[in-house]
Amino acid sequence: MSAKNVDKHNRFRSITVGFRVSPEEQEELNRAVALSGLPKQEYCYRKCMGREVVVQPNPRVHKALKTQMEAILAELERIATSDSVSDELLSTIDLIAITMQGLRGENAHD
């Protein structure tokens, strides 16, 4: 049997909440979770409850940023001869910029 899952106030989390997403939404959620450095459950909980997601620098966050930057570079190289950029790519670039500014201790919306 697995250990009880309690929050920082020692409240036992015994209720399961689930929701459906499209494959594209799942990719976007997975990117956001990876860039946050949090477990998916904690990330979703904080977002649903309107709580702030504070990125704590660690090797997983660094790797996620590097992976996303490599994917963006590949996509930008692919569209270098075109003038169209997908909304998903722009959303990912914005999320990475906010994350990196947060890691430096800056206000992302200045």
PDB file of N, CA and C in Angstrom:
ATOM      1  N   MET A   1       0.844  -1.175   0.000  1.00  0.00           N
ATOM      2  CA  MET A   1       0.000   0.000   0.000  1.00  0.00           C
ATOM      3  C   MET A   1       0.892   1.241   0.000  1.00  0.00           C
ATOM      4  N   SER A   2       0.513   2.253  -0.770  1.00  0.00           N
ATOM      5  CA  SER A   2       1.329   3.458  -0.862  1.00  0.00           C
ATOM      6  C   SER A   2       1.140   4.340   0.365  1.00  0.00           C
ATOM      7  N   ALA A   3       2.102   5.215   0.568  1.00  0.00           N
ATOM      8  CA  ALA A   3       2.057   6.133   1.706  1.00  0.00           C
ATOM      9  C   ALA A   3       0.941   7.157   1.504  1.00  0.00           C
ATOM     10  N   LYS A   4       0.410   7.654   2.614  1.00  0.00           N
ATOM     11  CA  LYS A   4      -0.629   8.670   2.545  1.00  0.00           C
ATOM     12  C   LYS A   4      -0.055   9.941   1.957  1.00  0.00           C
ATOM     13  N   ASN A   5      -0.830  10.592   1.097  1.00  0.00           N
ATOM     14  CA  ASN A   5      -0.413  11.832   0.467  1.00  0.00           C
ATOM     15  C   ASN A   5      -0.993  12.989   1.262  1.00  0.00           C
ATOM     16  N   VAL A   6      -0.138  13.686   2.013  1.00  0.00           N
ATOM     17  CA  VAL A   6      -0.599  14.807   2.824  1.00  0.00           C
ATOM     18  C   VAL A   6       0.032  16.095   2.320  1.00  0.00           C
ATOM     19  N   ASP A   7      -0.658  17.210   2.522  1.00  0.00           N
ATOM     20  CA  ASP A   7      -0.112  18.504   2.120  1.00  0.00           C
ATOM     21  C   ASP A   7       0.728  19.075   3.257  1.00  0.00           C
ATOM     22  N   LYS A   8       1.215  20.317   3.082  1.00  0.00           N
ATOM     23  CA  LYS A   8       2.112  20.906   4.085  1.00  0.00           C
ATOM     24  C   LYS A   8       1.413  21.193   5.411  1.00  0.00           C
ATOM     25  N   HIS A   9       0.087  21.138   5.433  1.00  0.00           N
ATOM     26  CA  HIS A   9      -0.671  21.328   6.669  1.00  0.00           C
ATOM     27  C   HIS A   9      -1.114  19.992   7.252  1.00  0.00           C
ATOM     28  N   ASN A  10      -0.509  18.913   6.759  1.00  0.00           N
ATOM     29  CA  ASN A  10      -0.769  17.546   7.205  1.00  0.00           C
ATOM     30  C   ASN A  10      -2.211  17.110   6.968  1.00  0.00           C
ATOM     31  N   ARG A  11      -2.836  17.659   5.907  1.00  0.00           N
ATOM     32  CA  ARG A  11      -4.183  17.236   5.525  1.00  0.00           C
ATOM     33  C   ARG A  11      -4.052  16.096   4.531  1.00  0.00           C
ATOM     34  N   PHE A  12      -4.762  15.042   4.778  1.00  0.00           N
ATOM     35  CA  PHE A  12      -4.728  13.864   3.920  1.00  0.00           C
ATOM     36  C   PHE A  12      -5.536  14.118   2.655  1.00  0.00           C
ATOM     37  N   ARG A  13      -4.909  13.949   1.529  1.00  0.00           N
ATOM     38  CA  ARG A  13      -5.573  14.138   0.236  1.00  0.00           C
ATOM     39  C   ARG A  13      -6.125  12.785  -0.214  1.00  0.00           C
ATOM     40  N   SER A  14      -7.389  12.562   0.051  1.00  0.00           N
ATOM     41  CA  SER A  14      -7.990  11.261  -0.236  1.00  0.00           C
ATOM     42  C   SER A  14      -8.927  11.280  -1.438  1.00  0.00           C
ATOM     43  N   ILE A  15      -9.200  12.432  -2.012  1.00  0.00           N
ATOM     44  CA  ILE A  15     -10.150  12.547  -3.108  1.00  0.00           C
ATOM     45  C   ILE A  15      -9.390  12.691  -4.417  1.00  0.00           C
ATOM     46  N   THR A  16      -9.811  11.949  -5.424  1.00  0.00           N
ATOM     47  CA  THR A  16      -9.202  12.020  -6.741  1.00  0.00           C
ATOM     48  C   THR A  16     -10.052  12.888  -7.640  1.00  0.00           C
ATOM     49  N   VAL A  17      -9.407  13.798  -8.361  1.00  0.00           N
ATOM     50  CA  VAL A  17     -10.078  14.662  -9.320  1.00  0.00           C
ATOM     51  C   VAL A  17      -9.410  14.430 -10.662  1.00  0.00           C
ATOM     52  N   GLY A  18     -10.208  14.227 -11.690  1.00  0.00           N
ATOM     53  CA  GLY A  18      -9.657  14.016 -13.020  1.00  0.00           C
ATOM     54  C   GLY A  18     -10.388  14.852 -14.043  1.00  0.00           C
ATOM     55  N   PHE A  19      -9.734  15.093 -15.162  1.00  0.00           N
ATOM     56  CA  PHE A  19     -10.368  15.839 -16.241  1.00  0.00           C
ATOM     57  C   PHE A  19      -9.754  15.398 -17.559  1.00  0.00           C
ATOM     58  N   ARG A  20     -10.476  15.651 -18.633  1.00  0.00           N
ATOM     59  CA  ARG A  20     -10.019  15.263 -19.957  1.00  0.00           C
ATOM     60  C   ARG A  20      -9.446  16.457 -20.699  1.00  0.00           C
ATOM     61  N   VAL A  21      -8.416  16.184 -21.492  1.00  0.00           N
ATOM     62  CA  VAL A  21      -7.792  17.208 -22.323  1.00  0.00           C
ATOM     63  C   VAL A  21      -7.542  16.622 -23.705  1.00  0.00           C
ATOM     64  N   SER A  22      -7.373  17.490 -24.684  1.00  0.00           N
ATOM     65  CA  SER A  22      -7.024  17.040 -26.030  1.00  0.00           C
ATOM     66  C   SER A  22      -5.538  16.686 -26.052  1.00  0.00           C
ATOM     67  N   PRO A  23      -5.073  15.970 -27.076  1.00  0.00           N
ATOM     68  CA  PRO A  23      -3.634  15.677 -27.169  1.00  0.00           C
ATOM     69  C   PRO A  23      -2.774  16.951 -27.180  1.00  0.00           C
ATOM     70  N   GLU A  24      -3.257  17.999 -27.858  1.00  0.00           N
ATOM     71  CA  GLU A  24      -2.511  19.258 -27.891  1.00  0.00           C
ATOM     72  C   GLU A  24      -2.458  19.905 -26.507  1.00  0.00           C
ATOM     73  N   GLU A  25      -3.580  19.860 -25.793  1.00  0.00           N
ATOM     74  CA  GLU A  25      -3.610  20.412 -24.443  1.00  0.00           C
ATOM     75  C   GLU A  25      -2.706  19.605 -23.511  1.00  0.00           C
ATOM     76  N   GLN A  26      -2.665  18.301 -23.708  1.00  0.00           N
ATOM     77  CA  GLN A  26      -1.789  17.457 -22.900  1.00  0.00           C
ATOM     78  C   GLN A  26      -0.325  17.827 -23.121  1.00  0.00           C
ATOM     79  N   GLU A  27       0.056  18.053 -24.369  1.00  0.00           N
ATOM     80  CA  GLU A  27       1.434  18.468 -24.661  1.00  0.00           C
ATOM     81  C   GLU A  27       1.753  19.795 -23.983  1.00  0.00           C
ATOM     82  N   GLU A  28       0.826  20.745 -24.075  1.00  0.00           N
ATOM     83  CA  GLU A  28       1.031  22.053 -23.453  1.00  0.00           C
ATOM     84  C   GLU A  28       1.133  21.928 -21.937  1.00  0.00           C
ATOM     85  N   LEU A  29       0.261  21.114 -21.342  1.00  0.00           N
ATOM     86  CA  LEU A  29       0.302  20.892 -19.896  1.00  0.00           C
ATOM     87  C   LEU A  29       1.616  20.235 -19.497  1.00  0.00           C
ATOM     88  N   ASN A  30       2.046  19.229 -20.240  1.00  0.00           N
ATOM     89  CA  ASN A  30       3.294  18.547 -19.918  1.00  0.00           C
ATOM     90  C   ASN A  30       4.493  19.489 -20.010  1.00  0.00           C
ATOM     91  N   ARG A  31       4.489  20.389 -21.007  1.00  0.00           N
ATOM     92  CA  ARG A  31       5.566  21.370 -21.121  1.00  0.00           C
ATOM     93  C   ARG A  31       5.576  22.287 -19.901  1.00  0.00           C
ATOM     94  N   ALA A  32       4.407  22.786 -19.522  1.00  0.00           N
ATOM     95  CA  ALA A  32       4.310  23.696 -18.376  1.00  0.00           C
ATOM     96  C   ALA A  32       4.749  23.004 -17.085  1.00  0.00           C
ATOM     97  N   VAL A  33       4.346  21.758 -16.913  1.00  0.00           N
ATOM     98  CA  VAL A  33       4.734  20.993 -15.721  1.00  0.00           C
ATOM     99  C   VAL A  33       6.247  20.806 -15.698  1.00  0.00           C
ATOM    100  N   ALA A  34       6.830  20.425 -16.834  1.00  0.00           N
ATOM    101  CA  ALA A  34       8.280  20.213 -16.894  1.00  0.00           C
ATOM    102  C   ALA A  34       9.031  21.499 -16.575  1.00  0.00           C
ATOM    103  N   LEU A  35       8.552  22.620 -17.099  1.00  0.00           N
ATOM    104  CA  LEU A  35       9.225  23.894 -16.864  1.00  0.00           C
ATOM    105  C   LEU A  35       9.034  24.398 -15.436  1.00  0.00           C
ATOM    106  N   SER A  36       8.008  23.915 -14.748  1.00  0.00           N
ATOM    107  CA  SER A  36       7.773  24.356 -13.368  1.00  0.00           C
ATOM    108  C   SER A  36       8.656  23.618 -12.372  1.00  0.00           C
ATOM    109  N   GLY A  37       9.059  22.389 -12.713  1.00  0.00           N
ATOM    110  CA  GLY A  37       9.834  21.582 -11.784  1.00  0.00           C
ATOM    111  C   GLY A  37       8.985  20.889 -10.729  1.00  0.00           C
ATOM    112  N   LEU A  38       7.677  21.064 -10.811  1.00  0.00           N
ATOM    113  CA  LEU A  38       6.763  20.441  -9.845  1.00  0.00           C
ATOM    114  C   LEU A  38       6.222  19.126 -10.393  1.00  0.00           C
ATOM    115  N   PRO A  39       5.767  18.233  -9.502  1.00  0.00           N
ATOM    116  CA  PRO A  39       5.022  17.070  -9.983  1.00  0.00           C
ATOM    117  C   PRO A  39       3.715  17.548 -10.629  1.00  0.00           C
ATOM    118  N   LYS A  40       3.206  16.796 -11.579  1.00  0.00           N
ATOM    119  CA  LYS A  40       2.007  17.208 -12.316  1.00  0.00           C
ATOM    120  C   LYS A  40       0.833  17.451 -11.369  1.00  0.00           C
ATOM    121  N   GLN A  41       0.644  16.582 -10.378  1.00  0.00           N
ATOM    122  CA  GLN A  41      -0.466  16.752  -9.435  1.00  0.00           C
ATOM    123  C   GLN A  41      -0.364  18.086  -8.724  1.00  0.00           C
ATOM    124  N   GLU A  42       0.822  18.426  -8.232  1.00  0.00           N
ATOM    125  CA  GLU A  42       0.991  19.679  -7.492  1.00  0.00           C
ATOM    126  C   GLU A  42       0.811  20.888  -8.406  1.00  0.00           C
ATOM    127  N   TYR A  43       1.331  20.805  -9.645  1.00  0.00           N
ATOM    128  CA  TYR A  43       1.179  21.903 -10.595  1.00  0.00           C
ATOM    129  C   TYR A  43      -0.309  22.145 -10.879  1.00  0.00           C
ATOM    130  N   CYS A  44      -1.038  21.080 -11.208  1.00  0.00           N
ATOM    131  CA  CYS A  44      -2.473  21.214 -11.517  1.00  0.00           C
ATOM    132  C   CYS A  44      -3.248  21.729 -10.311  1.00  0.00           C
ATOM    133  N   TYR A  45      -2.923  21.225  -9.133  1.00  0.00           N
ATOM    134  CA  TYR A  45      -3.598  21.672  -7.911  1.00  0.00           C
ATOM    135  C   TYR A  45      -3.405  23.172  -7.707  1.00  0.00           C
ATOM    136  N   ARG A  46      -2.162  23.622  -7.823  1.00  0.00           N
ATOM    137  CA  ARG A  46      -1.889  25.047  -7.610  1.00  0.00           C
ATOM    138  C   ARG A  46      -2.588  25.915  -8.651  1.00  0.00           C
ATOM    139  N   LYS A  47      -2.565  25.495  -9.913  1.00  0.00           N
ATOM    140  CA  LYS A  47      -3.216  26.281 -10.957  1.00  0.00           C
ATOM    141  C   LYS A  47      -4.730  26.310 -10.754  1.00  0.00           C
ATOM    142  N   CYS A  48      -5.324  25.179 -10.424  1.00  0.00           N
ATOM    143  CA  CYS A  48      -6.777  25.114 -10.229  1.00  0.00           C
ATOM    144  C   CYS A  48      -7.228  25.938  -9.030  1.00  0.00           C
ATOM    145  N   MET A  49      -6.400  25.998  -8.011  1.00  0.00           N
ATOM    146  CA  MET A  49      -6.759  26.731  -6.798  1.00  0.00           C
ATOM    147  C   MET A  49      -6.346  28.199  -6.879  1.00  0.00           C
ATOM    148  N   GLY A  50      -5.804  28.619  -8.028  1.00  0.00           N
ATOM    149  CA  GLY A  50      -5.417  30.009  -8.203  1.00  0.00           C
ATOM    150  C   GLY A  50      -4.189  30.396  -7.406  1.00  0.00           C
ATOM    151  N   ARG A  51      -3.392  29.410  -7.055  1.00  0.00           N
ATOM    152  CA  ARG A  51      -2.174  29.683  -6.295  1.00  0.00           C
ATOM    153  C   ARG A  51      -1.003  29.877  -7.238  1.00  0.00           C
ATOM    154  N   GLU A  52      -0.023  30.610  -6.776  1.00  0.00           N
ATOM    155  CA  GLU A  52       1.153  30.916  -7.587  1.00  0.00           C
ATOM    156  C   GLU A  52       2.020  29.673  -7.768  1.00  0.00           C
ATOM    157  N   VAL A  53       2.527  29.505  -8.974  1.00  0.00           N
ATOM    158  CA  VAL A  53       3.477  28.435  -9.261  1.00  0.00           C
ATOM    159  C   VAL A  53       4.847  29.090  -9.311  1.00  0.00           C
ATOM    160  N   VAL A  54       5.660  28.806  -8.310  1.00  0.00           N
ATOM    161  CA  VAL A  54       6.997  29.379  -8.223  1.00  0.00           C
ATOM    162  C   VAL A  54       7.989  28.319  -8.677  1.00  0.00           C
ATOM    163  N   VAL A  55       8.750  28.661  -9.701  1.00  0.00           N
ATOM    164  CA  VAL A  55       9.727  27.713 -10.245  1.00  0.00           C
ATOM    165  C   VAL A  55      10.968  27.721  -9.367  1.00  0.00           C
ATOM    166  N   GLN A  56      11.339  26.554  -8.885  1.00  0.00           N
ATOM    167  CA  GLN A  56      12.553  26.391  -8.107  1.00  0.00           C
ATOM    168  C   GLN A  56      13.636  25.835  -9.027  1.00  0.00           C
ATOM    169  N   PRO A  57      14.718  26.577  -9.235  1.00  0.00           N
ATOM    170  CA  PRO A  57      15.770  26.083 -10.133  1.00  0.00           C
ATOM    171  C   PRO A  57      16.323  24.752  -9.640  1.00  0.00           C
ATOM    172  N   ASN A  58      16.374  23.801 -10.534  1.00  0.00           N
ATOM    173  CA  ASN A  58      16.968  22.510 -10.243  1.00  0.00           C
ATOM    174  C   ASN A  58      17.356  21.867 -11.572  1.00  0.00           C
ATOM    175  N   PRO A  59      18.074  20.762 -11.550  1.00  0.00           N
ATOM    176  CA  PRO A  59      18.515  20.142 -12.811  1.00  0.00           C
ATOM    177  C   PRO A  59      17.369  19.759 -13.749  1.00  0.00           C
ATOM    178  N   ARG A  60      16.220  19.345 -13.203  1.00  0.00           N
ATOM    179  CA  ARG A  60      15.078  18.987 -14.065  1.00  0.00           C
ATOM    180  C   ARG A  60      14.549  20.199 -14.814  1.00  0.00           C
ATOM    181  N   VAL A  61      14.452  21.343 -14.146  1.00  0.00           N
ATOM    182  CA  VAL A  61      13.977  22.566 -14.792  1.00  0.00           C
ATOM    183  C   VAL A  61      14.978  22.994 -15.862  1.00  0.00           C
ATOM    184  N   HIS A  62      16.251  22.926 -15.541  1.00  0.00           N
ATOM    185  CA  HIS A  62      17.294  23.293 -16.511  1.00  0.00           C
ATOM    186  C   HIS A  62      17.199  22.409 -17.742  1.00  0.00           C
ATOM    187  N   LYS A  63      17.027  21.101 -17.544  1.00  0.00           N
ATOM    188  CA  LYS A  63      16.918  20.168 -18.672  1.00  0.00           C
ATOM    189  C   LYS A  63      15.666  20.462 -19.497  1.00  0.00           C
ATOM    190  N   ALA A  64      14.548  20.756 -18.827  1.00  0.00           N
ATOM    191  CA  ALA A  64      13.304  21.070 -19.540  1.00  0.00           C
ATOM    192  C   ALA A  64      13.459  22.344 -20.359  1.00  0.00           C
ATOM    193  N   LEU A  65      14.109  23.356 -19.790  1.00  0.00           N
ATOM    194  CA  LEU A  65      14.344  24.596 -20.536  1.00  0.00           C
ATOM    195  C   LEU A  65      15.221  24.330 -21.757  1.00  0.00           C
ATOM    196  N   LYS A  66      16.265  23.545 -21.567  1.00  0.00           N
ATOM    197  CA  LYS A  66      17.170  23.225 -22.674  1.00  0.00           C
ATOM    198  C   LYS A  66      16.431  22.460 -23.769  1.00  0.00           C
ATOM    199  N   THR A  67      15.633  21.484 -23.379  1.00  0.00           N
ATOM    200  CA  THR A  67      14.868  20.686 -24.350  1.00  0.00           C
ATOM    201  C   THR A  67      13.901  21.565 -25.132  1.00  0.00           C
ATOM    202  N   GLN A  68      13.189  22.455 -24.435  1.00  0.00           N
ATOM    203  CA  GLN A  68      12.237  23.330 -25.106  1.00  0.00           C
ATOM    204  C   GLN A  68      12.933  24.326 -26.021  1.00  0.00           C
ATOM    205  N   MET A  69      14.072  24.837 -25.589  1.00  0.00           N
ATOM    206  CA  MET A  69      14.821  25.766 -26.436  1.00  0.00           C
ATOM    207  C   MET A  69      15.331  25.067 -27.691  1.00  0.00           C
ATOM    208  N   GLU A  70      15.755  23.807 -27.569  1.00  0.00           N
ATOM    209  CA  GLU A  70      16.189  23.047 -28.739  1.00  0.00           C
ATOM    210  C   GLU A  70      15.025  22.832 -29.706  1.00  0.00           C
ATOM    211  N   ALA A  71      13.846  22.534 -29.168  1.00  0.00           N
ATOM    212  CA  ALA A  71      12.669  22.336 -30.014  1.00  0.00           C
ATOM    213  C   ALA A  71      12.281  23.634 -30.709  1.00  0.00           C
ATOM    214  N   ILE A  72      12.370  24.743 -29.996  1.00  0.00           N
ATOM    215  CA  ILE A  72      12.040  26.044 -30.589  1.00  0.00           C
ATOM    216  C   ILE A  72      13.043  26.394 -31.682  1.00  0.00           C
ATOM    217  N   LEU A  73      14.321  26.146 -31.424  1.00  0.00           N
ATOM    218  CA  LEU A  73      15.338  26.406 -32.439  1.00  0.00           C
ATOM    219  C   LEU A  73      15.070  25.594 -33.699  1.00  0.00           C
ATOM    220  N   ALA A  74      14.749  24.325 -33.529  1.00  0.00           N
ATOM    221  CA  ALA A  74      14.447  23.473 -34.687  1.00  0.00           C
ATOM    222  C   ALA A  74      13.242  24.000 -35.454  1.00  0.00           C
ATOM    223  N   GLU A  75      12.212  24.431 -34.733  1.00  0.00           N
ATOM    224  CA  GLU A  75      11.008  24.957 -35.377  1.00  0.00           C
ATOM    225  C   GLU A  75      11.303  26.280 -36.083  1.00  0.00           C
ATOM    226  N   LEU A  76      12.087  27.138 -35.459  1.00  0.00           N
ATOM    227  CA  LEU A  76      12.442  28.409 -36.088  1.00  0.00           C
ATOM    228  C   LEU A  76      13.288  28.200 -37.336  1.00  0.00           C
ATOM    229  N   GLU A  77      14.183  27.224 -37.290  1.00  0.00           N
ATOM    230  CA  GLU A  77      14.976  26.904 -38.477  1.00  0.00           C
ATOM    231  C   GLU A  77      14.083  26.378 -39.601  1.00  0.00           C
ATOM    232  N   ARG A  78      13.071  25.603 -39.231  1.00  0.00           N
ATOM    233  CA  ARG A  78      12.153  25.047 -40.218  1.00  0.00           C
ATOM    234  C   ARG A  78      11.327  26.138 -40.888  1.00  0.00           C
ATOM    235  N   ILE A  79      10.925  27.142 -40.124  1.00  0.00           N
ATOM    236  CA  ILE A  79      10.058  28.186 -40.685  1.00  0.00           C
ATOM    237  C   ILE A  79      10.831  29.429 -41.121  1.00  0.00           C
ATOM    238  N   ALA A  80      12.166  29.336 -41.123  1.00  0.00           N
ATOM    239  CA  ALA A  80      12.988  30.492 -41.482  1.00  0.00           C
ATOM    240  C   ALA A  80      12.631  31.050 -42.856  1.00  0.00           C
ATOM    241  N   THR A  81      12.205  30.197 -43.774  1.00  0.00           N
ATOM    242  CA  THR A  81      11.853  30.670 -45.113  1.00  0.00           C
ATOM    243  C   THR A  81      10.391  31.067 -45.210  1.00  0.00           C
ATOM    244  N   SER A  82       9.631  30.858 -44.144  1.00  0.00           N
ATOM    245  CA  SER A  82       8.208  31.182 -44.131  1.00  0.00           C
ATOM    246  C   SER A  82       7.970  32.344 -43.174  1.00  0.00           C
ATOM    247  N   ASP A  83       6.783  32.934 -43.239  1.00  0.00           N
ATOM    248  CA  ASP A  83       6.479  34.036 -42.318  1.00  0.00           C
ATOM    249  C   ASP A  83       5.389  33.660 -41.316  1.00  0.00           C
ATOM    250  N   SER A  84       5.096  32.380 -41.172  1.00  0.00           N
ATOM    251  CA  SER A  84       4.044  31.982 -40.238  1.00  0.00           C
ATOM    252  C   SER A  84       4.636  31.231 -39.044  1.00  0.00           C
ATOM    253  N   VAL A  85       4.179  31.589 -37.861  1.00  0.00           N
ATOM    254  CA  VAL A  85       4.593  30.937 -36.623  1.00  0.00           C
ATOM    255  C   VAL A  85       3.323  30.466 -35.933  1.00  0.00           C
ATOM    256  N   SER A  86       3.322  29.211 -35.462  1.00  0.00           N
ATOM    257  CA  SER A  86       2.120  28.650 -34.844  1.00  0.00           C
ATOM    258  C   SER A  86       1.853  29.289 -33.481  1.00  0.00           C
ATOM    259  N   ASP A  87       0.581  29.299 -33.104  1.00  0.00           N
ATOM    260  CA  ASP A  87       0.191  29.829 -31.797  1.00  0.00           C
ATOM    261  C   ASP A  87       0.810  29.008 -30.667  1.00  0.00           C
ATOM    262  N   GLU A  88       0.940  27.686 -30.871  1.00  0.00           N
ATOM    263  CA  GLU A  88       1.527  26.818 -29.859  1.00  0.00           C
ATOM    264  C   GLU A  88       2.983  27.201 -29.605  1.00  0.00           C
ATOM    265  N   LEU A  89       3.728  27.479 -30.690  1.00  0.00           N
ATOM    266  CA  LEU A  89       5.128  27.873 -30.534  1.00  0.00           C
ATOM    267  C   LEU A  89       5.229  29.208 -29.802  1.00  0.00           C
ATOM    268  N   LEU A  90       4.390  30.166 -30.169  1.00  0.00           N
ATOM    269  CA  LEU A  90       4.409  31.459 -29.488  1.00  0.00           C
ATOM    270  C   LEU A  90       4.068  31.313 -28.010  1.00  0.00           C
ATOM    271  N   SER A  91       3.116  30.438 -27.689  1.00  0.00           N
ATOM    272  CA  SER A  91       2.739  30.191 -26.301  1.00  0.00           C
ATOM    273  C   SER A  91       3.900  29.575 -25.520  1.00  0.00           C
ATOM    274  N   THR A  92       4.583  28.617 -26.141  1.00  0.00           N
ATOM    275  CA  THR A  92       5.725  27.987 -25.483  1.00  0.00           C
ATOM    276  C   THR A  92       6.857  28.989 -25.266  1.00  0.00           C
ATOM    277  N   ILE A  93       7.134  29.833 -26.256  1.00  0.00           N
ATOM    278  CA  ILE A  93       8.179  30.848 -26.128  1.00  0.00           C
ATOM    279  C   ILE A  93       7.841  31.795 -24.982  1.00  0.00           C
ATOM    280  N   ASP A  94       6.590  32.205 -24.889  1.00  0.00           N
ATOM    281  CA  ASP A  94       6.166  33.109 -23.823  1.00  0.00           C
ATOM    282  C   ASP A  94       6.338  32.454 -22.450  1.00  0.00           C
ATOM    283  N   LEU A  95       5.947  31.183 -22.324  1.00  0.00           N
ATOM    284  CA  LEU A  95       6.071  30.462 -21.054  1.00  0.00           C
ATOM    285  C   LEU A  95       7.537  30.330 -20.652  1.00  0.00           C
ATOM    286  N   ILE A  96       8.406  30.040 -21.617  1.00  0.00           N
ATOM    287  CA  ILE A  96       9.837  29.919 -21.319  1.00  0.00           C
ATOM    288  C   ILE A  96      10.408  31.265 -20.895  1.00  0.00           C
ATOM    289  N   ALA A  97      10.017  32.330 -21.583  1.00  0.00           N
ATOM    290  CA  ALA A  97      10.515  33.663 -21.227  1.00  0.00           C
ATOM    291  C   ALA A  97      10.105  34.033 -19.807  1.00  0.00           C
ATOM    292  N   ILE A  98       8.868  33.768 -19.455  1.00  0.00           N
ATOM    293  CA  ILE A  98       8.383  34.051 -18.099  1.00  0.00           C
ATOM    294  C   ILE A  98       9.149  33.213 -17.082  1.00  0.00           C
ATOM    295  N   THR A  99       9.361  31.937 -17.401  1.00  0.00           N
ATOM    296  CA  THR A  99      10.080  31.046 -16.488  1.00  0.00           C
ATOM    297  C   THR A  99      11.513  31.524 -16.282  1.00  0.00           C
ATOM    298  N   MET A 100      12.201  31.862 -17.381  1.00  0.00           N
ATOM    299  CA  MET A 100      13.589  32.286 -17.267  1.00  0.00           C
ATOM    300  C   MET A 100      13.710  33.616 -16.518  1.00  0.00           C
ATOM    301  N   GLN A 101      12.769  34.537 -16.743  1.00  0.00           N
ATOM    302  CA  GLN A 101      12.792  35.792 -16.002  1.00  0.00           C
ATOM    303  C   GLN A 101      12.553  35.539 -14.524  1.00  0.00           C
ATOM    304  N   GLY A 102      11.668  34.603 -14.227  1.00  0.00           N
ATOM    305  CA  GLY A 102      11.413  34.248 -12.833  1.00  0.00           C
ATOM    306  C   GLY A 102      12.626  33.631 -12.164  1.00  0.00           C
ATOM    307  N   LEU A 103      13.391  32.832 -12.910  1.00  0.00           N
ATOM    308  CA  LEU A 103      14.599  32.220 -12.347  1.00  0.00           C
ATOM    309  C   LEU A 103      15.647  33.280 -12.031  1.00  0.00           C
ATOM    310  N   ARG A 104      15.636  34.382 -12.766  1.00  0.00           N
ATOM    311  CA  ARG A 104      16.578  35.463 -12.515  1.00  0.00           C
ATOM    312  C   ARG A 104      16.044  36.430 -11.466  1.00  0.00           C
ATOM    313  N   GLY A 105      14.823  36.216 -10.986  1.00  0.00           N
ATOM    314  CA  GLY A 105      14.250  37.078  -9.972  1.00  0.00           C
ATOM    315  C   GLY A 105      13.666  38.365 -10.495  1.00  0.00           C
ATOM    316  N   GLU A 106      13.342  38.383 -11.803  1.00  0.00           N
ATOM    317  CA  GLU A 106      12.759  39.573 -12.399  1.00  0.00           C
ATOM    318  C   GLU A 106      11.251  39.434 -12.458  1.00  0.00           C
ATOM    319  N   ASN A 107      10.573  40.552 -12.599  1.00  0.00           N
ATOM    320  CA  ASN A 107       9.139  40.548 -12.820  1.00  0.00           C
ATOM    321  C   ASN A 107       8.911  40.318 -14.300  1.00  0.00           C
ATOM    322  N   ALA A 108       8.204  39.266 -14.676  1.00  0.00           N
ATOM    323  CA  ALA A 108       8.040  38.875 -16.070  1.00  0.00           C
ATOM    324  C   ALA A 108       7.200  39.849 -16.876  1.00  0.00           C
ATOM    325  N   HIS A 109       6.429  40.693 -16.235  1.00  0.00           N
ATOM    326  CA  HIS A 109       5.519  41.564 -16.991  1.00  0.00           C
ATOM    327  C   HIS A 109       5.928  43.019 -16.944  1.00  0.00           C
ATOM    328  N   ASP A 110       7.214  43.305 -16.700  1.00  0.00           N
ATOM    329  CA  ASP A 110       7.689  44.698 -16.702  1.00  0.00           C
ATOM    330  C   ASP A 110       8.038  45.133 -18.099  1.00  0.00           C
TER     331      ASP A 110
END
